[in-house]
Structure formats: C-alpha cells, structure tokens
C-alpha cells in the first residue's frame, strides 16, 4: 500500500510532503548526473513515505478504536438503564 492510498494527505501531510520533496530532489539529481545524491534522496523519500503510511494507519486505527469504545460505552449505558430488555 502506498502512502497516497492510505489518506496520508489527511493524517500525515508533513511526512508525505517531505517524501514528495525528497523524490523530486532525487529526480533532479539524477537528471544532473548526481547519482549518489539521487540515491540518497530516493532512500530518504522511501523512508518518509513509509513514515507517512505508518502514521496514517495509526491515526485511522486510533479513530476506529475510539469509535468502538464510544459504541461500547453507549451499549453499557443502555444496559444499565434497562433499555433493550
């Protein structure tokens, strides 16, 4: 899965922008024949994209967990009030 596909724009925009910037730099360095700079920037872009993906997944999972906790709390409240008998 790519960071773009994981809503990283919403959940990890700074990391995703850093990845895009590093990728652009790598492409520029490669076009200028600066292979070592291109390689370094490409590795940086990969790491930043991986970080964006991880942070995006964590944020989505955390939001889902909070939603489930709210649902459980509501069910408990209803059970304590005798609703659903």
N, C-alpha and C. Protein backbone atom coordinates (compact mmCIF):
# COMPACT_ATOMS: atom_id res chain seq x y z
N UNK A 1 0.84 -1.18 0.00
CA UNK A 1 0.00 0.00 0.00
C UNK A 1 0.89 1.24 0.00
N UNK A 2 0.50 2.20 -0.77
CA UNK A 2 1.25 3.45 -0.86
C UNK A 2 0.67 4.48 0.11
N UNK A 3 1.52 5.42 0.50
CA UNK A 3 1.08 6.47 1.43
C UNK A 3 -0.07 7.28 0.83
N UNK A 4 -0.02 7.53 -0.48
CA UNK A 4 -1.10 8.27 -1.13
C UNK A 4 -2.44 7.56 -0.97
N UNK A 5 -2.41 6.23 -0.99
CA UNK A 5 -3.63 5.44 -0.91
C UNK A 5 -4.15 5.29 0.52
N UNK A 6 -3.38 5.68 1.50
CA UNK A 6 -3.75 5.48 2.90
C UNK A 6 -4.21 6.77 3.56
N UNK A 7 -4.67 7.72 2.77
CA UNK A 7 -5.13 9.01 3.30
C UNK A 7 -4.04 9.75 4.06
N UNK A 8 -2.80 9.57 3.63
CA UNK A 8 -1.69 10.25 4.31
C UNK A 8 -1.79 11.76 4.14
N UNK A 9 -2.43 12.23 3.08
CA UNK A 9 -2.65 13.67 2.92
C UNK A 9 -3.41 14.23 4.11
N UNK A 10 -4.33 13.43 4.63
CA UNK A 10 -5.15 13.86 5.76
C UNK A 10 -4.45 13.62 7.09
N UNK A 11 -3.85 12.45 7.25
CA UNK A 11 -3.33 12.04 8.55
C UNK A 11 -1.85 12.32 8.77
N UNK A 12 -1.07 12.44 7.72
CA UNK A 12 0.38 12.67 7.86
C UNK A 12 0.89 13.57 6.74
N UNK A 13 0.31 14.77 6.60
CA UNK A 13 0.65 15.62 5.46
C UNK A 13 2.11 16.07 5.44
N UNK A 14 2.69 16.34 6.60
CA UNK A 14 4.08 16.81 6.61
C UNK A 14 5.04 15.70 6.15
N UNK A 15 4.78 14.49 6.60
CA UNK A 15 5.63 13.37 6.20
C UNK A 15 5.48 13.09 4.71
N UNK A 16 4.26 13.16 4.22
CA UNK A 16 4.03 12.91 2.80
C UNK A 16 4.67 14.00 1.95
N UNK A 17 4.57 15.24 2.39
CA UNK A 17 5.21 16.33 1.65
C UNK A 17 6.73 16.19 1.65
N UNK A 18 7.29 15.74 2.77
CA UNK A 18 8.73 15.51 2.83
C UNK A 18 9.14 14.41 1.85
N UNK A 19 8.32 13.38 1.75
CA UNK A 19 8.61 12.29 0.80
C UNK A 19 8.56 12.80 -0.63
N UNK A 20 7.55 13.58 -0.93
CA UNK A 20 7.42 14.13 -2.29
C UNK A 20 8.59 15.05 -2.62
N UNK A 21 8.99 15.86 -1.66
CA UNK A 21 10.11 16.77 -1.87
C UNK A 21 11.41 16.00 -2.11
N UNK A 22 11.64 14.98 -1.31
CA UNK A 22 12.85 14.17 -1.48
C UNK A 22 12.83 13.45 -2.82
N UNK A 23 11.67 12.97 -3.23
CA UNK A 23 11.57 12.30 -4.53
C UNK A 23 11.86 13.27 -5.67
N UNK A 24 11.31 14.46 -5.56
CA UNK A 24 11.58 15.48 -6.57
C UNK A 24 13.07 15.81 -6.63
N UNK A 25 13.67 15.92 -5.45
CA UNK A 25 15.11 16.17 -5.40
C UNK A 25 15.91 15.04 -6.01
N UNK A 26 15.48 13.82 -5.76
CA UNK A 26 16.17 12.66 -6.34
C UNK A 26 16.08 12.67 -7.86
N UNK A 27 14.90 13.00 -8.37
CA UNK A 27 14.73 13.06 -9.82
C UNK A 27 15.60 14.15 -10.42
N UNK A 28 15.67 15.29 -9.75
CA UNK A 28 16.51 16.39 -10.23
C UNK A 28 17.98 16.01 -10.20
N UNK A 29 18.42 15.39 -9.12
CA UNK A 29 19.82 14.98 -9.01
C UNK A 29 20.17 13.95 -10.07
N UNK A 30 19.25 13.04 -10.33
CA UNK A 30 19.50 12.01 -11.34
C UNK A 30 19.63 12.64 -12.73
N UNK A 31 18.78 13.61 -13.02
CA UNK A 31 18.83 14.25 -14.34
C UNK A 31 20.11 15.07 -14.52
N UNK A 32 20.74 15.44 -13.41
CA UNK A 32 22.00 16.19 -13.47
C UNK A 32 23.22 15.27 -13.37
N UNK A 33 22.96 13.97 -13.33
CA UNK A 33 24.06 13.02 -13.26
C UNK A 33 24.66 12.87 -11.88
N UNK A 34 23.99 13.34 -10.87
CA UNK A 34 24.47 13.23 -9.49
C UNK A 34 23.88 11.96 -8.87
N UNK A 35 24.43 10.84 -9.28
CA UNK A 35 23.85 9.55 -8.91
C UNK A 35 23.83 9.30 -7.41
N UNK A 36 24.90 9.65 -6.71
CA UNK A 36 24.94 9.39 -5.27
C UNK A 36 23.91 10.25 -4.53
N UNK A 37 23.78 11.51 -4.93
CA UNK A 37 22.75 12.37 -4.33
C UNK A 37 21.36 11.83 -4.63
N UNK A 38 21.17 11.38 -5.86
CA UNK A 38 19.88 10.83 -6.26
C UNK A 38 19.54 9.60 -5.42
N UNK A 39 20.52 8.74 -5.22
CA UNK A 39 20.31 7.53 -4.43
C UNK A 39 19.95 7.89 -2.99
N UNK A 40 20.68 8.81 -2.40
CA UNK A 40 20.43 9.22 -1.02
C UNK A 40 19.04 9.84 -0.88
N UNK A 41 18.68 10.70 -1.81
CA UNK A 41 17.36 11.34 -1.75
C UNK A 41 16.23 10.34 -2.00
N UNK A 42 16.48 9.37 -2.87
CA UNK A 42 15.47 8.34 -3.12
C UNK A 42 15.24 7.50 -1.86
N UNK A 43 16.31 7.18 -1.15
CA UNK A 43 16.17 6.44 0.10
C UNK A 43 15.43 7.27 1.15
N UNK A 44 15.74 8.55 1.19
CA UNK A 44 15.03 9.45 2.11
C UNK A 44 13.55 9.51 1.76
N UNK A 45 13.24 9.60 0.48
CA UNK A 45 11.84 9.64 0.04
C UNK A 45 11.10 8.37 0.46
N UNK A 46 11.76 7.24 0.30
CA UNK A 46 11.15 5.97 0.70
C UNK A 46 10.88 5.94 2.20
N UNK A 47 11.86 6.37 2.97
CA UNK A 47 11.69 6.38 4.43
C UNK A 47 10.57 7.32 4.85
N UNK A 48 10.51 8.50 4.25
CA UNK A 48 9.46 9.46 4.59
C UNK A 48 8.08 8.93 4.19
N UNK A 49 8.00 8.27 3.04
CA UNK A 49 6.72 7.70 2.61
C UNK A 49 6.29 6.58 3.55
N UNK A 50 7.24 5.75 3.97
CA UNK A 50 6.92 4.68 4.92
C UNK A 50 6.43 5.27 6.24
N UNK A 51 7.05 6.34 6.69
CA UNK A 51 6.63 7.00 7.92
C UNK A 51 5.22 7.58 7.76
N UNK A 52 4.95 8.21 6.63
CA UNK A 52 3.61 8.75 6.38
C UNK A 52 2.57 7.64 6.39
N UNK A 53 2.90 6.52 5.78
CA UNK A 53 1.98 5.38 5.75
C UNK A 53 1.72 4.86 7.16
N UNK A 54 2.77 4.70 7.94
CA UNK A 54 2.62 4.20 9.31
C UNK A 54 1.80 5.16 10.16
N UNK A 55 2.07 6.44 10.05
CA UNK A 55 1.32 7.42 10.85
C UNK A 55 -0.14 7.49 10.42
N UNK A 56 -0.38 7.35 9.13
CA UNK A 56 -1.74 7.36 8.63
C UNK A 56 -2.51 6.14 9.14
N UNK A 57 -1.88 4.99 9.07
CA UNK A 57 -2.53 3.77 9.57
C UNK A 57 -2.81 3.88 11.07
N UNK A 58 -1.85 4.43 11.81
CA UNK A 58 -2.03 4.58 13.26
C UNK A 58 -3.19 5.52 13.56
N UNK A 59 -3.29 6.61 12.85
CA UNK A 59 -4.36 7.58 13.08
C UNK A 59 -5.72 6.97 12.76
N UNK A 60 -5.80 6.23 11.66
CA UNK A 60 -7.06 5.60 11.29
C UNK A 60 -7.46 4.53 12.30
N UNK A 61 -6.48 3.74 12.74
CA UNK A 61 -6.76 2.70 13.73
C UNK A 61 -7.19 3.31 15.05
N UNK A 62 -6.54 4.38 15.44
CA UNK A 62 -6.90 5.07 16.68
C UNK A 62 -8.32 5.62 16.61
N UNK A 63 -8.68 6.19 15.48
CA UNK A 63 -10.04 6.72 15.30
C UNK A 63 -11.07 5.59 15.37
N UNK A 64 -10.76 4.45 14.75
CA UNK A 64 -11.67 3.30 14.81
C UNK A 64 -11.81 2.79 16.24
N UNK A 65 -10.69 2.73 16.96
CA UNK A 65 -10.72 2.29 18.35
C UNK A 65 -11.59 3.22 19.20
N UNK A 66 -11.42 4.51 19.02
CA UNK A 66 -12.24 5.48 19.77
C UNK A 66 -13.72 5.32 19.45
N UNK A 67 -14.03 5.05 18.20
CA UNK A 67 -15.43 4.84 17.80
C UNK A 67 -15.99 3.59 18.48
N UNK A 68 -15.22 2.52 18.49
CA UNK A 68 -15.68 1.28 19.14
C UNK A 68 -15.86 1.49 20.64
N UNK A 69 -14.95 2.22 21.26
CA UNK A 69 -15.09 2.49 22.69
C UNK A 69 -16.36 3.30 22.98
N UNK A 70 -16.65 4.25 22.12
CA UNK A 70 -17.88 5.04 22.30
C UNK A 70 -19.11 4.15 22.14
N UNK A 71 -19.07 3.23 21.18
CA UNK A 71 -20.20 2.32 20.98
C UNK A 71 -20.39 1.42 22.19
N UNK A 72 -19.29 0.92 22.74
CA UNK A 72 -19.36 0.06 23.93
C UNK A 72 -19.92 0.85 25.11
N UNK A 73 -19.46 2.07 25.29
CA UNK A 73 -19.96 2.90 26.39
C UNK A 73 -21.46 3.14 26.24
N UNK A 74 -21.92 3.37 25.02
CA UNK A 74 -23.35 3.58 24.79
C UNK A 74 -24.13 2.31 25.09
N UNK A 75 -23.62 1.16 24.69
CA UNK A 75 -24.31 -0.11 24.98
C UNK A 75 -24.37 -0.35 26.49
N UNK A 76 -23.28 -0.07 27.18
CA UNK A 76 -23.28 -0.25 28.64
C UNK A 76 -24.30 0.68 29.30
N UNK A 77 -24.35 1.92 28.82
CA UNK A 77 -25.31 2.87 29.38
C UNK A 77 -26.74 2.37 29.18
N UNK A 78 -27.00 1.87 27.98
CA UNK A 78 -28.35 1.37 27.69
C UNK A 78 -28.69 0.15 28.54
N UNK A 79 -27.71 -0.73 28.73
CA UNK A 79 -27.95 -1.91 29.56
C UNK A 79 -28.21 -1.52 31.02
N UNK A 80 -27.48 -0.54 31.52
CA UNK A 80 -27.66 -0.09 32.90
C UNK A 80 -29.02 0.58 33.10
N UNK A 81 -29.53 1.18 32.05
CA UNK A 81 -30.83 1.86 32.14
C UNK A 81 -31.99 0.92 31.84
N UNK A 82 -31.69 -0.34 31.55
CA UNK A 82 -32.73 -1.32 31.31
C UNK A 82 -33.29 -1.28 29.91
N UNK A 83 -32.70 -0.54 29.01
CA UNK A 83 -33.16 -0.49 27.63
C UNK A 83 -32.71 -1.76 26.93
N UNK A 84 -33.57 -2.31 26.12
CA UNK A 84 -33.22 -3.49 25.36
C UNK A 84 -33.66 -4.78 26.03
N UNK A 85 -34.43 -4.66 27.12
CA UNK A 85 -34.92 -5.87 27.79
C UNK A 85 -36.19 -6.33 27.16
